[in-house]
Amino acid sequence: MLITSSALAGSLLAGCQPGGPEPRQPVTTATAVMATTAPPTPTLLLEEAPTKDTIDLRRKLAQMVLVGFRGLSLDEDNPIVIDIHNRNIGGVALFSYDVALQQWNRNIESPAQVAALNASLQDLAATPLIIAVDQEGGRVARLNERFGFPPTLSAQELGERNDPAFTYEAAAQMARTLKAAGVNHSFAPVVDLNTNPDNPIIGAIGRSFSADPSVVIEQAAAFIRAHRDHGVTTTLKHFPGHGSSRDDSHLGFVDVTDVWQPVELEPYRQLIARNLVDAVMTAHVFNAQLDPDSVATLSQPIITGILREELGFDGVVFSDDMQMGAIADNYGFEDAVVRTVEAGVDVIAIANNLTFDPEIATRIIELLAAAVADGRLSEARIDASCRRIMALKAKWMQRQV
């Protein structure tokens, strides 16, 4: 039976609307031991008893949260079980290396193990989860040869060859790997222009296709089409451009005011015009040419003004990891979370890897709920994000019907 993506989006939207479906009961699998009864009801940080309206609001807000977690398999004590089963969070991100613990095998050990883990995660969810990884190719590929996955080529290697047909086949192999592992969303491709080859976080490690925007556009288009053809959605990053930076926003404040060029918007402009963009990820860079007050992730002029209004993008916007130094060292967490949503971001992404906080999803939900309660955020603004998130999920759900 053919079901359109718009119909699926409407059906999925029930998962974050009043009267939406109840979470499924956890199941026991060979690699995951779940609770046979529902986890305890999450504590609400309100003085008054929770009402149906406050619970419904939190279910919508939870769809706007994507977090990393620890574990090769799931058990009833893993905080992610309650985050998904009770709180209805929208997604998770998998990592191969635990930065805080400085050890491998955070979520990834082998193809069979990852597939079983992701099946267990989806079994917990009333609304299908976004299960995402950074799978750019080359040095940034969480599913890599170390764990028995096929080798990949970096964006730089593909860009130097500059053969869209070859890039399509390389990306199709990556997409097949993701699909078999139960991953439905890739935080790739990078469309930053390689205008500074010495950039420590982009050019120096082969993450950019090229300094030429036309090469970046055609390479990214082939990469996206290959993933779409295999039922995996993708993300352009890092808006409005990180390729010219001299510094790494993982480590601290990055100012690109003097080096950023308007041409860095061209990949977004052209790919949006071709209807090839599922999602966009923000850059934690400061660019006074575009906003003299805030880094891009927290900037309404950049996210709403440029990306949504000027470039016409109405899909999902992910923040980059909100624990990165550019945010964590320069903004209070509460202020940053609320301002990110005010700016126009739909999904707050927390890798939970540079530091680990098992309560981070609850903290974000409650911060956003408080902002709705005091009028800083409107429910209409939350509903707009929920609509976009469900439309994204419908893209890969359509292929599974």
Protein backbone atom coordinates (compact mmCIF):
# COMPACT_ATOMS: atom_id res chain seq x y z
CA MET A 1 0.00 0.00 0.00
CA LEU A 2 1.44 3.38 -1.01
CA ILE A 3 1.24 5.98 1.73
CA THR A 4 2.37 9.51 0.93
CA SER A 5 4.95 11.25 3.08
CA SER A 6 2.40 13.94 3.98
CA ALA A 7 -0.03 11.30 5.22
CA LEU A 8 2.73 9.63 7.20
CA ALA A 9 3.76 12.96 8.68
CA GLY A 10 0.20 13.51 9.82
CA SER A 11 0.09 10.07 11.36
CA LEU A 12 3.44 10.54 13.08
CA LEU A 13 2.39 13.96 14.32
CA ALA A 14 -0.08 12.21 16.60
CA GLY A 15 2.93 11.02 18.56
CA CYS A 16 3.57 14.52 19.88
CA GLN A 17 0.01 15.82 20.03
CA PRO A 18 -2.60 15.54 22.76
CA GLY A 19 -4.11 12.08 22.66
CA GLY A 20 -1.12 10.66 20.76
CA PRO A 21 -0.14 7.01 20.99
CA GLU A 22 1.16 5.56 24.23
CA PRO A 23 4.76 4.30 24.34
CA ARG A 24 5.23 0.64 23.44
CA GLN A 25 6.15 -1.74 26.22
CA PRO A 26 9.87 -2.49 26.28
CA VAL A 27 10.84 -5.86 24.86
CA THR A 28 13.56 -8.31 25.75
CA THR A 29 16.03 -9.15 22.97
CA ALA A 30 19.18 -11.21 22.81
CA THR A 31 21.29 -8.13 23.31
CA ALA A 32 19.07 -5.95 25.46
CA VAL A 33 17.29 -6.71 28.68
CA MET A 34 14.41 -4.28 29.17
CA ALA A 35 12.13 -3.68 32.08
CA THR A 36 8.94 -5.69 31.80
CA THR A 37 6.97 -2.87 33.34
CA ALA A 38 7.02 0.78 32.44
CA PRO A 39 9.78 2.84 34.09
CA PRO A 40 8.67 5.25 36.81
CA THR A 41 6.96 8.44 35.71
CA PRO A 42 9.58 11.18 35.24
CA THR A 43 9.67 13.87 37.90
CA LEU A 44 8.35 17.20 36.66
CA LEU A 45 10.11 20.29 37.89
CA LEU A 46 6.89 22.07 38.74
CA GLU A 47 5.46 22.90 42.12
CA GLU A 48 1.92 22.02 41.06
CA ALA A 49 0.76 18.53 40.06
CA PRO A 50 1.20 17.89 36.34
CA THR A 51 -1.89 18.32 34.18
CA LYS A 52 -2.68 16.71 30.86
CA ASP A 53 -1.66 19.93 29.12
CA THR A 54 1.77 20.00 30.77
CA ILE A 55 2.34 16.34 29.92
CA ASP A 56 1.28 16.90 26.29
CA LEU A 57 3.61 19.90 26.04
CA ARG A 58 6.52 17.89 27.36
CA ARG A 59 5.90 15.12 24.82
CA LYS A 60 6.17 17.71 22.06
CA LEU A 61 9.26 19.31 23.58
CA ALA A 62 10.88 15.89 23.94
CA GLN A 63 10.68 15.41 20.17
CA MET A 64 13.03 18.40 19.95
CA VAL A 65 15.75 16.59 21.90
CA LEU A 66 18.44 14.33 20.43
CA VAL A 67 21.04 12.93 22.82
CA GLY A 68 23.99 10.62 22.97
CA PHE A 69 24.14 7.83 25.52
CA ARG A 70 26.39 5.05 26.77
CA GLY A 71 25.98 1.35 26.14
CA LEU A 72 26.52 -1.36 23.54
CA SER A 73 23.18 -2.83 24.57
CA LEU A 74 20.32 -1.67 26.77
CA ASP A 75 19.20 -2.63 30.24
CA GLU A 76 16.50 -1.18 32.46
CA ASP A 77 18.98 1.04 34.33
CA ASN A 78 20.19 2.88 31.25
CA PRO A 79 18.81 6.47 31.38
CA ILE A 80 18.14 6.39 27.64
CA VAL A 81 15.44 3.75 28.22
CA ILE A 82 13.34 6.17 30.27
CA ASP A 83 14.18 9.09 27.96
CA ILE A 84 12.69 7.19 25.02
CA HIS A 85 9.98 5.10 26.66
CA ASN A 86 8.55 7.64 29.09
CA ARG A 87 9.68 11.01 27.82
CA ASN A 88 9.27 10.48 24.06
CA ILE A 89 12.57 12.05 23.00
CA GLY A 90 12.94 12.51 19.28
CA GLY A 91 16.30 10.95 18.62
CA VAL A 92 19.67 9.58 19.64
CA ALA A 93 23.21 9.84 18.30
CA LEU A 94 25.68 6.96 18.26
CA PHE A 95 29.41 7.33 18.87
CA SER A 96 32.31 4.94 18.57
CA TYR A 97 34.60 6.69 21.08
CA ASP A 98 33.71 7.96 24.55
CA VAL A 99 35.65 11.22 24.91
CA ALA A 100 34.95 11.70 28.63
CA LEU A 101 36.05 8.14 29.48
CA GLN A 102 38.77 8.11 26.79
CA GLN A 103 37.83 4.66 25.57
CA TRP A 104 36.35 2.94 22.51
CA ASN A 105 33.14 0.95 22.18
CA ARG A 106 30.79 3.58 23.51
CA ASN A 107 27.91 2.41 21.29
CA ILE A 108 29.65 0.53 18.48
CA GLU A 109 31.39 -2.84 18.56
CA SER A 110 30.31 -4.74 15.43
CA PRO A 111 27.69 -4.60 12.65
CA ALA A 112 25.47 -7.20 14.35
CA GLN A 113 25.73 -5.48 17.74
CA VAL A 114 24.82 -2.03 16.32
CA ALA A 115 21.83 -3.44 14.43
CA ALA A 116 20.56 -5.15 17.60
CA LEU A 117 21.09 -2.01 19.69
CA ASN A 118 19.18 0.16 17.21
CA ALA A 119 16.33 -2.34 16.99
CA SER A 120 16.06 -2.24 20.77
CA LEU A 121 16.01 1.56 20.74
CA GLN A 122 13.20 1.64 18.17
CA ASP A 123 11.23 -0.97 20.14
CA LEU A 124 11.08 1.49 23.03
CA ALA A 125 9.69 4.36 20.99
CA ALA A 126 6.05 5.30 20.49
CA THR A 127 7.14 7.73 17.78
CA PRO A 128 9.94 6.38 15.55
CA LEU A 129 13.33 7.63 16.64
CA ILE A 130 15.86 9.52 14.62
CA ILE A 131 18.95 7.34 15.02
CA ALA A 132 21.85 9.43 13.76
CA VAL A 133 25.59 9.18 13.28
CA ASP A 134 28.34 11.34 11.83
CA GLN A 135 29.10 9.27 8.74
CA GLU A 136 30.88 11.71 6.46
CA GLY A 137 33.54 9.28 5.27
CA GLY A 138 37.27 9.21 5.88
CA ARG A 139 38.32 10.28 9.37
CA VAL A 140 34.76 11.13 10.41
CA ALA A 141 32.90 7.83 10.09
CA ARG A 142 31.57 6.27 13.29
CA LEU A 143 30.84 2.97 11.53
CA ASN A 144 34.33 2.19 10.30
CA GLU A 145 36.78 -0.63 9.60
CA ARG A 146 37.85 -0.86 13.25
CA PHE A 147 34.43 -2.37 14.00
CA GLY A 148 34.05 -4.47 10.87
CA PHE A 149 32.29 -1.95 8.61
CA PRO A 150 33.40 -1.17 5.04
CA PRO A 151 36.07 1.50 4.47
CA THR A 152 34.95 4.95 3.31
CA LEU A 153 36.44 7.85 1.36
CA SER A 154 36.66 11.36 2.76
CA ALA A 155 34.84 14.32 1.23
CA GLN A 156 38.22 15.71 0.15
CA GLU A 157 39.09 12.50 -1.70
CA LEU A 158 35.72 12.50 -3.45
CA GLY A 159 36.00 16.20 -4.29
CA GLU A 160 39.48 15.80 -5.77
CA ARG A 161 38.18 13.04 -8.05
CA ASN A 162 35.13 15.23 -8.78
CA ASP A 163 33.05 12.51 -10.43
CA PRO A 164 29.43 12.70 -9.20
CA ALA A 165 28.71 9.16 -10.43
CA PHE A 166 31.65 7.81 -8.44
CA THR A 167 30.56 9.84 -5.39
CA TYR A 168 27.03 8.45 -5.72
CA GLU A 169 28.35 4.88 -5.57
CA ALA A 170 30.65 5.63 -2.63
CA ALA A 171 27.79 7.31 -0.78
CA ALA A 172 25.40 4.48 -1.65
CA GLN A 173 27.78 2.05 0.06
CA MET A 174 27.74 4.27 3.16
CA ALA A 175 23.96 4.46 3.03
CA ARG A 176 23.63 0.68 2.75
CA THR A 177 25.91 0.33 5.77
CA LEU A 178 23.76 2.74 7.77
CA LYS A 179 20.50 1.14 6.69
CA ALA A 180 21.68 -2.37 7.62
CA ALA A 181 22.75 -1.06 11.03
CA GLY A 182 19.36 0.52 11.71
CA VAL A 183 20.63 4.09 11.34
CA ASN A 184 18.13 6.30 9.52
CA HIS A 185 19.86 9.70 9.56
CA SER A 186 23.39 10.83 8.71
CA PHE A 187 24.92 14.04 9.97
CA ALA A 188 26.54 14.54 6.56
CA PRO A 189 27.48 15.86 4.05
CA VAL A 190 29.73 18.75 5.07
CA VAL A 191 29.19 21.60 2.60
CA ASP A 192 31.71 23.98 4.16
CA LEU A 193 33.99 25.45 1.50
CA ASN A 194 37.65 24.59 1.96
CA THR A 195 38.72 28.23 1.84
CA ASN A 196 41.22 27.65 4.66
CA PRO A 197 43.01 24.32 4.06
CA ASP A 198 44.72 24.71 7.46
CA ASN A 199 41.36 24.88 9.28
CA PRO A 200 41.96 22.38 12.10
CA ILE A 201 38.45 20.96 12.17
CA ILE A 202 37.45 21.05 8.45
CA GLY A 203 40.14 21.36 5.78
CA ALA A 204 43.05 19.88 7.70
CA ILE A 205 41.22 16.59 8.24
CA GLY A 206 39.65 16.19 4.80
CA ARG A 207 36.04 17.04 5.62
CA SER A 208 35.40 19.50 2.76
CA PHE A 209 34.80 18.52 -0.86
CA SER A 210 36.47 21.63 -2.27
CA ALA A 211 37.02 25.37 -2.08
CA ASP A 212 34.99 25.64 -5.30
CA PRO A 213 31.27 25.98 -4.48
CA SER A 214 30.22 24.33 -7.76
CA VAL A 215 32.22 21.20 -6.86
CA VAL A 216 30.79 21.17 -3.34
CA ILE A 217 27.24 21.50 -4.67
CA GLU A 218 27.50 18.67 -7.22
CA GLN A 219 29.34 16.35 -4.85
CA ALA A 220 26.84 16.99 -2.06
CA ALA A 221 23.93 16.47 -4.44
CA ALA A 222 25.26 13.04 -5.44
CA PHE A 223 25.89 12.14 -1.79
CA ILE A 224 22.34 13.13 -0.79
CA ARG A 225 20.66 11.34 -3.70
CA ALA A 226 22.48 8.11 -2.88
CA HIS A 227 21.30 8.25 0.72
CA ARG A 228 17.75 9.13 -0.25
CA ASP A 229 17.63 6.20 -2.65
CA HIS A 230 18.47 3.92 0.27
CA GLY A 231 16.02 5.46 2.74
CA VAL A 232 18.49 7.49 4.82
CA THR A 233 18.04 11.22 5.40
CA THR A 234 20.98 13.64 5.54
CA THR A 235 22.13 16.95 7.03
CA LEU A 236 24.03 19.80 5.44
CA LYS A 237 26.57 21.29 7.83
CA HIS A 238 27.77 23.69 9.23
CA PHE A 239 25.51 26.71 8.53
CA PRO A 240 26.34 29.47 7.62
CA GLY A 241 29.89 28.25 6.99
CA HIS A 242 32.78 26.88 9.07
CA GLY A 243 35.31 26.23 6.29
CA SER A 244 37.10 29.57 6.59
CA SER A 245 37.66 29.39 10.34
CA ARG A 246 41.10 29.25 11.94
CA ASP A 247 39.89 27.54 15.10
CA ASP A 248 37.85 24.56 16.32
CA SER A 249 34.45 25.34 17.86
CA HIS A 250 34.67 22.11 19.88
CA LEU A 251 37.36 23.83 21.92
CA GLY A 252 36.13 27.40 22.30
CA PHE A 253 34.92 30.64 20.77
CA VAL A 254 35.42 30.87 17.00
CA ASP A 255 35.16 34.22 15.19
CA VAL A 256 34.95 34.06 11.38
CA THR A 257 33.96 37.70 10.87
CA ASP A 258 37.15 38.64 9.02
CA VAL A 259 37.44 35.49 6.89
CA TRP A 260 33.87 34.39 6.05
CA GLN A 261 32.61 35.15 2.54
CA PRO A 262 29.01 35.26 1.24
CA VAL A 263 29.88 32.53 -1.29
CA GLU A 264 29.85 30.09 1.66
CA LEU A 265 26.04 30.27 1.52
CA GLU A 266 25.89 29.04 -2.09
CA PRO A 267 25.78 25.29 -1.37
CA TYR A 268 22.76 25.88 0.88
CA ARG A 269 21.08 28.20 -1.59
CA GLN A 270 21.46 25.86 -4.56
CA LEU A 271 20.71 22.58 -2.79
CA ILE A 272 17.62 24.04 -1.11
CA ALA A 273 16.44 25.31 -4.49
CA ARG A 274 16.83 21.76 -5.86
CA ASN A 275 14.77 20.34 -2.98
CA LEU A 276 17.70 18.18 -1.87
CA VAL A 277 17.96 19.28 1.75
CA ASP A 278 16.43 17.15 4.50
CA ALA A 279 18.05 19.00 7.39
CA VAL A 280 20.68 21.60 8.22
CA MET A 281 23.07 21.73 11.18
CA THR A 282 24.19 25.03 12.64
CA ALA A 283 27.76 26.18 13.22
CA HIS A 284 28.83 27.50 16.62
CA VAL A 285 30.71 30.34 14.92
CA PHE A 286 30.49 34.07 15.53
CA ASN A 287 30.09 36.11 12.36
CA ALA A 288 29.53 39.81 12.92
CA GLN A 289 28.89 40.26 9.20
CA LEU A 290 25.61 38.42 9.79
CA ASP A 291 24.88 39.02 13.49
CA PRO A 292 27.02 41.25 15.73
CA ASP A 293 25.58 39.77 18.92
CA SER A 294 25.39 35.96 18.81
CA VAL A 295 27.01 32.82 17.44
CA ALA A 296 25.04 31.34 14.56
CA THR A 297 23.31 28.62 16.59
CA LEU A 298 21.75 31.25 18.87
CA SER A 299 21.09 33.81 16.14
CA GLN A 300 17.59 34.57 14.94
CA PRO A 301 18.92 36.82 12.13
CA ILE A 302 21.02 33.92 10.82
CA ILE A 303 18.75 30.90 11.36
CA THR A 304 15.32 32.46 10.83
CA GLY A 305 16.36 35.50 8.81
CA ILE A 306 18.84 33.97 6.36
CA LEU A 307 18.21 30.21 6.34
CA ARG A 308 14.44 30.19 6.64
CA GLU A 309 13.33 33.50 5.11
CA GLU A 310 16.04 34.37 2.59
CA LEU A 311 16.94 30.84 1.47
CA GLY A 312 13.43 29.43 1.95
CA PHE A 313 14.30 26.36 4.04
CA ASP A 314 11.39 24.91 6.03
CA GLY A 315 12.97 21.61 7.03
CA VAL A 316 14.58 20.52 10.28
CA VAL A 317 17.42 22.55 11.73
CA PHE A 318 19.68 20.71 14.18
CA SER A 319 21.98 22.52 16.53
CA ASP A 320 25.54 21.32 16.59
CA ASP A 321 26.46 19.70 19.90
CA MET A 322 25.47 22.13 22.64
CA GLN A 323 28.23 20.85 24.93
CA MET A 324 30.98 22.08 22.61
CA GLY A 325 33.31 24.69 24.01
CA ALA A 326 32.04 27.51 21.80
CA ILE A 327 28.71 27.28 23.65
CA ALA A 328 29.57 25.72 27.01
CA ASP A 329 32.42 28.15 27.77
CA ASN A 330 30.62 31.31 26.71
CA TYR A 331 26.90 30.95 27.48
CA GLY A 332 24.86 29.66 30.38
CA PHE A 333 23.23 26.34 29.46
CA GLU A 334 19.67 27.52 30.20
CA ASP A 335 20.07 30.69 28.19
CA ALA A 336 21.71 28.86 25.29
CA VAL A 337 19.00 26.20 25.02
CA VAL A 338 16.13 28.68 24.97
CA ARG A 339 17.87 31.11 22.64
CA THR A 340 18.65 28.29 20.22
CA VAL A 341 14.95 27.50 19.86
CA GLU A 342 14.09 31.21 19.68
CA ALA A 343 16.59 31.46 16.82
CA GLY A 344 14.69 28.86 14.79
CA VAL A 345 16.46 25.59 15.63
CA ASP A 346 14.15 22.55 15.80
CA VAL A 347 16.32 19.90 17.48
CA ILE A 348 18.70 20.48 20.39
CA ALA A 349 21.56 18.03 19.83
CA ILE A 350 23.60 16.90 22.83
CA ALA A 351 26.37 14.43 22.04
CA ASN A 352 26.73 13.80 25.78
CA ASN A 353 30.28 12.80 25.00
CA LEU A 354 32.64 15.64 25.91
CA THR A 355 30.91 15.40 29.28
CA PHE A 356 28.21 12.92 30.28
CA ASP A 357 24.98 13.92 32.00
CA PRO A 358 22.37 11.12 32.33
CA GLU A 359 19.67 13.73 33.08
CA ILE A 360 20.43 16.02 30.16
CA ALA A 361 17.24 15.24 28.19
CA THR A 362 15.04 16.01 31.21
CA ARG A 363 16.93 19.25 31.83
CA ILE A 364 16.32 20.44 28.28
CA ILE A 365 12.63 19.52 28.30
CA GLU A 366 12.08 21.37 31.57
CA LEU A 367 14.03 24.43 30.43
CA LEU A 368 11.90 24.68 27.32
CA ALA A 369 8.68 24.04 29.26
CA ALA A 370 9.57 26.88 31.63
CA ALA A 371 10.23 29.16 28.65
CA VAL A 372 6.77 28.36 27.26
CA ALA A 373 5.21 28.96 30.67
CA ASP A 374 6.80 32.40 31.06
CA GLY A 375 6.14 33.45 27.47
CA ARG A 376 9.67 33.38 26.06
CA LEU A 377 8.56 30.63 23.66
CA SER A 378 5.09 30.12 22.22
CA GLU A 379 3.36 26.78 21.76
CA ALA A 380 2.95 27.72 18.11
CA ARG A 381 6.75 27.90 17.84
CA ILE A 382 7.02 24.41 19.41
CA ASP A 383 4.31 23.03 17.12
CA ALA A 384 6.22 24.31 14.07
CA SER A 385 9.30 22.36 15.10
CA CYS A 386 7.25 19.26 15.84
CA ARG A 387 5.70 19.45 12.37
CA ARG A 388 9.11 19.67 10.71
CA ILE A 389 10.50 16.78 12.77
CA MET A 390 7.59 14.53 11.84
CA ALA A 391 7.94 15.45 8.17
CA LEU A 392 11.60 14.41 8.34
CA LYS A 393 10.74 11.10 9.96
CA ALA A 394 8.07 10.45 7.36
CA LYS A 395 10.73 10.49 4.63
CA TRP A 396 12.34 7.28 5.79
CA MET A 397 9.19 5.80 7.28
CA GLN A 398 7.56 5.91 3.84
CA ARG A 399 10.10 3.39 2.55
CA GLN A 400 9.28 0.99 5.39
CA VAL A 401 5.49 0.87 4.87
